[in-house]
Amino acid sequence: METTTSRDGSSELHRLISLMTGDEKHSAAATSTLDVLWVLYTRVLDIDPESPSDPVRDRLYLSKGHGPMAYYAVLAARGFIDESLLTTWTAFDSPLGTHPDRVLIPGVEVSSGSLGHGLGLAVGATLALRARHLAAPRVLCLLGDGELDEGSNLEAIQFAGRMELDRLTAIVIDNRSSTHGWPGGIGLRFTTEGWTVDEIDGTDHEEIEAAFADQPRRGPHAVIARVPRRA
């Protein structure tokens, strides 16, 4: 059940974000992920805040871990952490740092923020689930478009396509912050390596939900979520 005061949850999430004050250098990175994260945690991911370590849960790897205000707000709204923690954001001894910490925060799958690490970890998690014959869980990895400039991501994209990791989905938040870009667009980076691709409006909740419909695939899937460019 959604714990928000408006249909799309925006008013409650912005209130929760407003509780986090202090020196935050990546607010644009945080707000660009807000709609996608909310839809994932309310309509897509099979994960229970009462049992965040359930072995058959879906996994979300937040590779775009710098500026995690939106992530913390969603975790609080969904019951993974107490709302009161948000007021301790980045304070001494607070579990809520400028990068999420999987040891300190329930529901966080990976300590992230250093660009280029998340997708490789998500590929490894997908392979591990396959080795354990756990076919139900999905592994999702949320990246930024600028992060795709890291060569480690290209290697992960290539490998996942060759291994036909059909339970893996990459979500690329495209706010046009990439330094180098990609000839033909971001989607081509994935389709060339055997992925299926959906390109969507990253602020439209119905489009976001439809892009993550669980259906049989022969390989990994990528969702390119376009959002307004913010300074």
C-alpha atoms as a PDB file:
ATOM      1  CA  MET A   1       0.000   0.000   0.000  1.00  0.00           C
ATOM      2  CA  GLU A   2       1.410   3.412  -0.990  1.00  0.00           C
ATOM      3  CA  THR A   3       2.191   5.651   1.972  1.00  0.00           C
ATOM      4  CA  THR A   4       1.853   8.959   0.151  1.00  0.00           C
ATOM      5  CA  THR A   5      -0.470  11.942   0.189  1.00  0.00           C
ATOM      6  CA  SER A   6      -0.963  12.198  -3.575  1.00  0.00           C
ATOM      7  CA  ARG A   7      -1.688   9.715  -6.318  1.00  0.00           C
ATOM      8  CA  ASP A   8       1.866   9.635  -7.665  1.00  0.00           C
ATOM      9  CA  GLY A   9       3.549  10.006  -4.276  1.00  0.00           C
ATOM     10  CA  SER A  10       5.378  13.199  -5.202  1.00  0.00           C
ATOM     11  CA  SER A  11       4.182  15.411  -2.361  1.00  0.00           C
ATOM     12  CA  GLU A  12       5.197  12.913   0.329  1.00  0.00           C
ATOM     13  CA  LEU A  13       8.560  12.166  -1.271  1.00  0.00           C
ATOM     14  CA  HIS A  14       9.458  15.830  -1.597  1.00  0.00           C
ATOM     15  CA  ARG A  15       8.517  16.336   2.057  1.00  0.00           C
ATOM     16  CA  LEU A  16      10.826  13.470   3.043  1.00  0.00           C
ATOM     17  CA  ILE A  17      13.652  14.862   0.916  1.00  0.00           C
ATOM     18  CA  SER A  18      13.217  18.253   2.574  1.00  0.00           C
ATOM     19  CA  LEU A  19      14.100  16.645   5.920  1.00  0.00           C
ATOM     20  CA  MET A  20      17.633  16.040   4.641  1.00  0.00           C
ATOM     21  CA  THR A  21      19.573  19.269   4.999  1.00  0.00           C
ATOM     22  CA  GLY A  22      23.260  20.066   4.895  1.00  0.00           C
ATOM     23  CA  ASP A  23      26.067  20.081   2.374  1.00  0.00           C
ATOM     24  CA  GLU A  24      24.819  17.972  -0.537  1.00  0.00           C
ATOM     25  CA  LYS A  25      26.747  18.243  -3.795  1.00  0.00           C
ATOM     26  CA  HIS A  26      24.613  16.005  -6.021  1.00  0.00           C
ATOM     27  CA  SER A  27      21.001  17.157  -5.676  1.00  0.00           C
ATOM     28  CA  ALA A  28      20.423  16.986  -9.442  1.00  0.00           C
ATOM     29  CA  ALA A  29      21.651  13.390  -9.478  1.00  0.00           C
ATOM     30  CA  ALA A  30      19.191  12.593  -6.698  1.00  0.00           C
ATOM     31  CA  THR A  31      16.084  14.251  -8.111  1.00  0.00           C
ATOM     32  CA  SER A  32      16.641  12.754 -11.579  1.00  0.00           C
ATOM     33  CA  THR A  33      16.068   9.275 -10.139  1.00  0.00           C
ATOM     34  CA  LEU A  34      13.001  10.084  -8.028  1.00  0.00           C
ATOM     35  CA  ASP A  35      10.179   8.942 -10.329  1.00  0.00           C
ATOM     36  CA  VAL A  36      11.908   5.754 -11.442  1.00  0.00           C
ATOM     37  CA  LEU A  37      12.812   4.750  -7.887  1.00  0.00           C
ATOM     38  CA  TRP A  38       9.275   5.364  -6.657  1.00  0.00           C
ATOM     39  CA  VAL A  39       7.690   3.241  -9.382  1.00  0.00           C
ATOM     40  CA  LEU A  40      10.227   0.454  -8.852  1.00  0.00           C
ATOM     41  CA  TYR A  41       9.563   0.271  -5.112  1.00  0.00           C
ATOM     42  CA  THR A  42       5.777   0.603  -5.347  1.00  0.00           C
ATOM     43  CA  ARG A  43       4.903  -1.282  -8.530  1.00  0.00           C
ATOM     44  CA  VAL A  44       7.802  -3.434  -9.739  1.00  0.00           C
ATOM     45  CA  LEU A  45      10.226  -4.856  -7.180  1.00  0.00           C
ATOM     46  CA  ASP A  46       9.271  -7.966  -5.220  1.00  0.00           C
ATOM     47  CA  ILE A  47      10.939  -7.079  -1.933  1.00  0.00           C
ATOM     48  CA  ASP A  48       9.500  -6.889   1.572  1.00  0.00           C
ATOM     49  CA  PRO A  49      10.780  -4.254   4.027  1.00  0.00           C
ATOM     50  CA  GLU A  50       9.980  -6.731   6.808  1.00  0.00           C
ATOM     51  CA  SER A  51      12.372  -9.253   5.234  1.00  0.00           C
ATOM     52  CA  PRO A  52      14.903  -7.316   3.135  1.00  0.00           C
ATOM     53  CA  SER A  53      17.362 -10.248   3.006  1.00  0.00           C
ATOM     54  CA  ASP A  54      14.922 -12.852   1.693  1.00  0.00           C
ATOM     55  CA  PRO A  55      16.966 -14.961  -0.777  1.00  0.00           C
ATOM     56  CA  VAL A  56      14.178 -14.925  -3.392  1.00  0.00           C
ATOM     57  CA  ARG A  57      13.756 -11.125  -3.324  1.00  0.00           C
ATOM     58  CA  ASP A  58      14.368  -8.926  -6.325  1.00  0.00           C
ATOM     59  CA  ARG A  59      17.587  -6.918  -6.131  1.00  0.00           C
ATOM     60  CA  LEU A  60      18.119  -3.261  -7.006  1.00  0.00           C
ATOM     61  CA  TYR A  61      21.744  -2.203  -7.416  1.00  0.00           C
ATOM     62  CA  LEU A  62      21.956   1.588  -7.228  1.00  0.00           C
ATOM     63  CA  SER A  63      25.112   2.177  -9.219  1.00  0.00           C
ATOM     64  CA  LYS A  64      24.156   5.879  -9.382  1.00  0.00           C
ATOM     65  CA  GLY A  65      24.805   6.082  -5.654  1.00  0.00           C
ATOM     66  CA  HIS A  66      26.152   9.620  -5.435  1.00  0.00           C
ATOM     67  CA  GLY A  67      23.521  12.011  -4.116  1.00  0.00           C
ATOM     68  CA  PRO A  68      21.165   9.343  -2.721  1.00  0.00           C
ATOM     69  CA  MET A  69      18.552  11.675  -1.196  1.00  0.00           C
ATOM     70  CA  ALA A  70      15.730  10.348  -3.367  1.00  0.00           C
ATOM     71  CA  TYR A  71      16.787   6.771  -2.578  1.00  0.00           C
ATOM     72  CA  TYR A  72      16.681   7.406   1.169  1.00  0.00           C
ATOM     73  CA  ALA A  73      13.290   9.123   0.867  1.00  0.00           C
ATOM     74  CA  VAL A  74      11.835   6.148  -1.004  1.00  0.00           C
ATOM     75  CA  LEU A  75      13.296   3.674   1.497  1.00  0.00           C
ATOM     76  CA  ALA A  76      11.711   5.672   4.317  1.00  0.00           C
ATOM     77  CA  ALA A  77       8.344   5.927   2.550  1.00  0.00           C
ATOM     78  CA  ARG A  78       8.320   2.177   1.973  1.00  0.00           C
ATOM     79  CA  GLY A  79       9.269   1.259   5.546  1.00  0.00           C
ATOM     80  CA  PHE A  80      12.868   0.090   5.133  1.00  0.00           C
ATOM     81  CA  ILE A  81      14.181   2.846   7.407  1.00  0.00           C
ATOM     82  CA  ASP A  82      12.534   5.123   9.955  1.00  0.00           C
ATOM     83  CA  GLU A  83      11.642   8.592   8.749  1.00  0.00           C
ATOM     84  CA  SER A  84      13.404  10.138  11.753  1.00  0.00           C
ATOM     85  CA  LEU A  85      16.761   9.000  10.332  1.00  0.00           C
ATOM     86  CA  LEU A  86      16.391  11.439   7.451  1.00  0.00           C
ATOM     87  CA  THR A  87      17.020  14.392   9.751  1.00  0.00           C
ATOM     88  CA  THR A  88      20.456  12.924  10.570  1.00  0.00           C
ATOM     89  CA  TRP A  89      21.511  12.972   6.900  1.00  0.00           C
ATOM     90  CA  THR A  90      25.345  13.192   6.639  1.00  0.00           C
ATOM     91  CA  ALA A  91      25.694  13.991  10.351  1.00  0.00           C
ATOM     92  CA  PHE A  92      28.445  12.409  12.435  1.00  0.00           C
ATOM     93  CA  ASP A  93      27.574   8.774  13.202  1.00  0.00           C
ATOM     94  CA  SER A  94      24.510   8.845  10.905  1.00  0.00           C
ATOM     95  CA  PRO A  95      24.026   5.721   8.742  1.00  0.00           C
ATOM     96  CA  LEU A  96      22.865   8.011   5.926  1.00  0.00           C
ATOM     97  CA  GLY A  97      25.993   9.197   4.193  1.00  0.00           C
ATOM     98  CA  THR A  98      26.538  10.820   0.820  1.00  0.00           C
ATOM     99  CA  HIS A  99      26.879   7.291  -0.579  1.00  0.00           C
ATOM    100  CA  PRO A 100      24.552   4.454   0.593  1.00  0.00           C
ATOM    101  CA  ASP A 101      26.108   1.764   2.775  1.00  0.00           C
ATOM    102  CA  ARG A 102      24.784  -1.789   2.518  1.00  0.00           C
ATOM    103  CA  VAL A 103      26.022  -2.644   6.034  1.00  0.00           C
ATOM    104  CA  LEU A 104      24.260   0.274   7.714  1.00  0.00           C
ATOM    105  CA  ILE A 105      20.976   0.614   5.809  1.00  0.00           C
ATOM    106  CA  PRO A 106      18.343  -2.154   5.458  1.00  0.00           C
ATOM    107  CA  GLY A 107      17.347  -2.758   1.848  1.00  0.00           C
ATOM    108  CA  VAL A 108      20.564  -1.406   0.321  1.00  0.00           C
ATOM    109  CA  GLU A 109      22.116  -4.118  -1.837  1.00  0.00           C
ATOM    110  CA  VAL A 110      25.464  -2.487  -2.584  1.00  0.00           C
ATOM    111  CA  SER A 111      27.626   0.307  -1.185  1.00  0.00           C
ATOM    112  CA  SER A 112      27.920   2.534  -4.226  1.00  0.00           C
ATOM    113  CA  GLY A 113      28.712   5.960  -5.577  1.00  0.00           C
ATOM    114  CA  SER A 114      32.029   5.350  -7.324  1.00  0.00           C
ATOM    115  CA  LEU A 115      31.009   5.347 -10.966  1.00  0.00           C
ATOM    116  CA  GLY A 116      31.318   2.225 -13.074  1.00  0.00           C
ATOM    117  CA  HIS A 117      30.942  -0.474 -10.413  1.00  0.00           C
ATOM    118  CA  GLY A 118      27.233  -1.235 -10.120  1.00  0.00           C
ATOM    119  CA  LEU A 119      26.494  -2.988 -13.395  1.00  0.00           C
ATOM    120  CA  GLY A 120      29.407  -5.410 -13.037  1.00  0.00           C
ATOM    121  CA  LEU A 121      28.197  -6.282  -9.538  1.00  0.00           C
ATOM    122  CA  ALA A 122      24.652  -6.758 -10.824  1.00  0.00           C
ATOM    123  CA  VAL A 123      25.951  -9.105 -13.523  1.00  0.00           C
ATOM    124  CA  GLY A 124      27.746 -11.128 -10.847  1.00  0.00           C
ATOM    125  CA  ALA A 125      24.614 -11.269  -8.687  1.00  0.00           C
ATOM    126  CA  THR A 126      22.569 -12.495 -11.652  1.00  0.00           C
ATOM    127  CA  LEU A 127      25.106 -15.227 -12.365  1.00  0.00           C
ATOM    128  CA  ALA A 128      25.102 -16.240  -8.685  1.00  0.00           C
ATOM    129  CA  LEU A 129      21.311 -16.557  -8.649  1.00  0.00           C
ATOM    130  CA  ARG A 130      21.483 -18.669 -11.808  1.00  0.00           C
ATOM    131  CA  ALA A 131      24.103 -20.920 -10.196  1.00  0.00           C
ATOM    132  CA  ARG A 132      21.821 -21.359  -7.180  1.00  0.00           C
ATOM    133  CA  HIS A 133      18.897 -22.235  -9.489  1.00  0.00           C
ATOM    134  CA  LEU A 134      16.875 -19.269  -8.205  1.00  0.00           C
ATOM    135  CA  ALA A 135      14.946 -18.346 -11.322  1.00  0.00           C
ATOM    136  CA  ALA A 136      12.365 -15.970  -9.820  1.00  0.00           C
ATOM    137  CA  PRO A 137      14.427 -13.019  -8.550  1.00  0.00           C
ATOM    138  CA  ARG A 138      15.171 -10.164 -10.898  1.00  0.00           C
ATOM    139  CA  VAL A 139      18.318  -8.040 -10.664  1.00  0.00           C
ATOM    140  CA  LEU A 140      17.970  -4.387 -11.618  1.00  0.00           C
ATOM    141  CA  CYS A 141      20.802  -1.886 -11.827  1.00  0.00           C
ATOM    142  CA  LEU A 142      20.205   1.867 -11.966  1.00  0.00           C
ATOM    143  CA  LEU A 143      22.926   3.901 -13.684  1.00  0.00           C
ATOM    144  CA  GLY A 144      23.419   7.436 -14.946  1.00  0.00           C
ATOM    145  CA  ASP A 145      24.091   8.217 -18.598  1.00  0.00           C
ATOM    146  CA  GLY A 146      27.419   9.846 -17.703  1.00  0.00           C
ATOM    147  CA  GLU A 147      28.435   6.687 -15.892  1.00  0.00           C
ATOM    148  CA  LEU A 148      28.392   4.803 -19.188  1.00  0.00           C
ATOM    149  CA  ASP A 149      31.616   6.611 -20.077  1.00  0.00           C
ATOM    150  CA  GLU A 150      33.355   4.178 -17.702  1.00  0.00           C
ATOM    151  CA  GLY A 151      34.894   1.281 -19.607  1.00  0.00           C
ATOM    152  CA  SER A 152      33.893  -1.239 -16.938  1.00  0.00           C
ATOM    153  CA  ASN A 153      30.261  -0.721 -17.915  1.00  0.00           C
ATOM    154  CA  LEU A 154      30.932  -1.549 -21.549  1.00  0.00           C
ATOM    155  CA  GLU A 155      32.570  -4.799 -20.459  1.00  0.00           C
ATOM    156  CA  ALA A 156      29.583  -5.634 -18.258  1.00  0.00           C
ATOM    157  CA  ILE A 157      27.159  -4.881 -21.117  1.00  0.00           C
ATOM    158  CA  GLN A 158      29.120  -7.118 -23.477  1.00  0.00           C
ATOM    159  CA  PHE A 159      29.409  -9.997 -21.011  1.00  0.00           C
ATOM    160  CA  ALA A 160      25.755  -9.895 -19.940  1.00  0.00           C
ATOM    161  CA  GLY A 161      24.643 -10.068 -23.557  1.00  0.00           C
ATOM    162  CA  ARG A 162      26.907 -13.039 -24.326  1.00  0.00           C
ATOM    163  CA  MET A 163      25.649 -14.902 -21.242  1.00  0.00           C
ATOM    164  CA  GLU A 164      21.992 -14.133 -22.080  1.00  0.00           C
ATOM    165  CA  LEU A 165      21.248 -12.939 -18.539  1.00  0.00           C
ATOM    166  CA  ASP A 166      17.499 -12.697 -18.977  1.00  0.00           C
ATOM    167  CA  ARG A 167      16.850 -11.792 -15.295  1.00  0.00           C
ATOM    168  CA  LEU A 168      19.034  -8.672 -15.528  1.00  0.00           C
ATOM    169  CA  THR A 169      17.683  -5.194 -16.283  1.00  0.00           C
ATOM    170  CA  ALA A 170      19.730  -2.004 -16.529  1.00  0.00           C
ATOM    171  CA  ILE A 171      18.011   1.340 -15.989  1.00  0.00           C
ATOM    172  CA  VAL A 172      19.868   4.302 -17.428  1.00  0.00           C
ATOM    173  CA  ILE A 173      18.733   7.712 -16.173  1.00  0.00           C
ATOM    174  CA  ASP A 174      19.430   9.919 -19.182  1.00  0.00           C
ATOM    175  CA  ASN A 175      19.706  13.589 -18.173  1.00  0.00           C
ATOM    176  CA  ARG A 176      22.250  14.203 -20.940  1.00  0.00           C
ATOM    177  CA  SER A 177      25.176  14.604 -18.581  1.00  0.00           C
ATOM    178  CA  SER A 178      27.530  12.282 -20.458  1.00  0.00           C
ATOM    179  CA  THR A 179      30.826  13.813 -21.522  1.00  0.00           C
ATOM    180  CA  HIS A 180      31.352  11.627 -24.596  1.00  0.00           C
ATOM    181  CA  GLY A 181      27.916  10.328 -25.555  1.00  0.00           C
ATOM    182  CA  TRP A 182      27.366   7.397 -27.894  1.00  0.00           C
ATOM    183  CA  PRO A 183      26.927   7.412 -31.696  1.00  0.00           C
ATOM    184  CA  GLY A 184      23.333   6.486 -32.467  1.00  0.00           C
ATOM    185  CA  GLY A 185      22.146   6.994 -28.890  1.00  0.00           C
ATOM    186  CA  ILE A 186      22.430   5.114 -25.615  1.00  0.00           C
ATOM    187  CA  GLY A 187      20.081   2.316 -26.669  1.00  0.00           C
ATOM    188  CA  LEU A 188      22.416   1.253 -29.465  1.00  0.00           C
ATOM    189  CA  ARG A 189      25.149   0.627 -26.902  1.00  0.00           C
ATOM    190  CA  PHE A 190      22.953  -2.164 -25.520  1.00  0.00           C
ATOM    191  CA  THR A 191      21.222  -3.559 -28.620  1.00  0.00           C
ATOM    192  CA  THR A 192      24.602  -4.029 -30.305  1.00  0.00           C
ATOM    193  CA  GLU A 193      25.503  -6.432 -27.511  1.00  0.00           C
ATOM    194  CA  GLY A 194      22.275  -8.456 -27.569  1.00  0.00           C
ATOM    195  CA  TRP A 195      20.084  -6.560 -25.099  1.00  0.00           C
ATOM    196  CA  THR A 196      16.466  -5.572 -25.656  1.00  0.00           C
ATOM    197  CA  VAL A 197      15.764  -1.883 -25.040  1.00  0.00           C
ATOM    198  CA  ASP A 198      12.837   0.344 -24.055  1.00  0.00           C
ATOM    199  CA  GLU A 199      13.229   4.119 -24.250  1.00  0.00           C
ATOM    200  CA  ILE A 200      10.768   5.984 -22.042  1.00  0.00           C
ATOM    201  CA  ASP A 201       9.852   9.252 -20.397  1.00  0.00           C
ATOM    202  CA  GLY A 202      11.510   8.864 -16.987  1.00  0.00           C
ATOM    203  CA  THR A 203       8.881  11.061 -15.324  1.00  0.00           C
ATOM    204  CA  ASP A 204       5.803   9.195 -16.616  1.00  0.00           C
ATOM    205  CA  HIS A 205       4.864   6.565 -14.026  1.00  0.00           C
ATOM    206  CA  GLU A 206       2.729   4.503 -16.408  1.00  0.00           C
ATOM    207  CA  GLU A 207       5.514   4.336 -19.003  1.00  0.00           C
ATOM    208  CA  ILE A 208       8.038   3.431 -16.316  1.00  0.00           C
ATOM    209  CA  GLU A 209       5.894   0.594 -14.989  1.00  0.00           C
ATOM    210  CA  ALA A 210       5.189  -0.798 -18.472  1.00  0.00           C
ATOM    211  CA  ALA A 211       8.904  -0.881 -19.315  1.00  0.00           C
ATOM    212  CA  PHE A 212       9.553  -3.228 -16.394  1.00  0.00           C
ATOM    213  CA  ALA A 213       6.819  -5.745 -17.193  1.00  0.00           C
ATOM    214  CA  ASP A 214       8.273  -9.151 -16.379  1.00  0.00           C
ATOM    215  CA  GLN A 215       8.166 -11.227 -19.554  1.00  0.00           C
ATOM    216  CA  PRO A 216      10.218 -14.025 -21.108  1.00  0.00           C
ATOM    217  CA  ARG A 217      13.388 -12.730 -22.757  1.00  0.00           C
ATOM    218  CA  ARG A 218      16.428 -14.398 -24.295  1.00  0.00           C
ATOM    219  CA  GLY A 219      18.841 -11.866 -22.855  1.00  0.00           C
ATOM    220  CA  PRO A 220      19.177  -8.820 -20.624  1.00  0.00           C
ATOM    221  CA  HIS A 221      16.957  -5.771 -20.905  1.00  0.00           C
ATOM    222  CA  ALA A 222      17.766  -2.055 -20.718  1.00  0.00           C
ATOM    223  CA  VAL A 223      15.400   0.813 -19.951  1.00  0.00           C
ATOM    224  CA  ILE A 224      16.579   4.255 -21.049  1.00  0.00           C
ATOM    225  CA  ALA A 225      14.659   6.747 -18.904  1.00  0.00           C
ATOM    226  CA  ARG A 226      14.881  10.295 -20.271  1.00  0.00           C
ATOM    227  CA  VAL A 227      14.519  13.035 -17.643  1.00  0.00           C
ATOM    228  CA  PRO A 228      14.852  16.843 -17.835  1.00  0.00           C
ATOM    229  CA  ARG A 229      18.400  18.090 -17.669  1.00  0.00           C
ATOM    230  CA  ARG A 230      19.054  19.896 -14.396  1.00  0.00           C
ATOM    231  CA  ALA A 231      21.900  22.201 -13.529  1.00  0.00           C
END
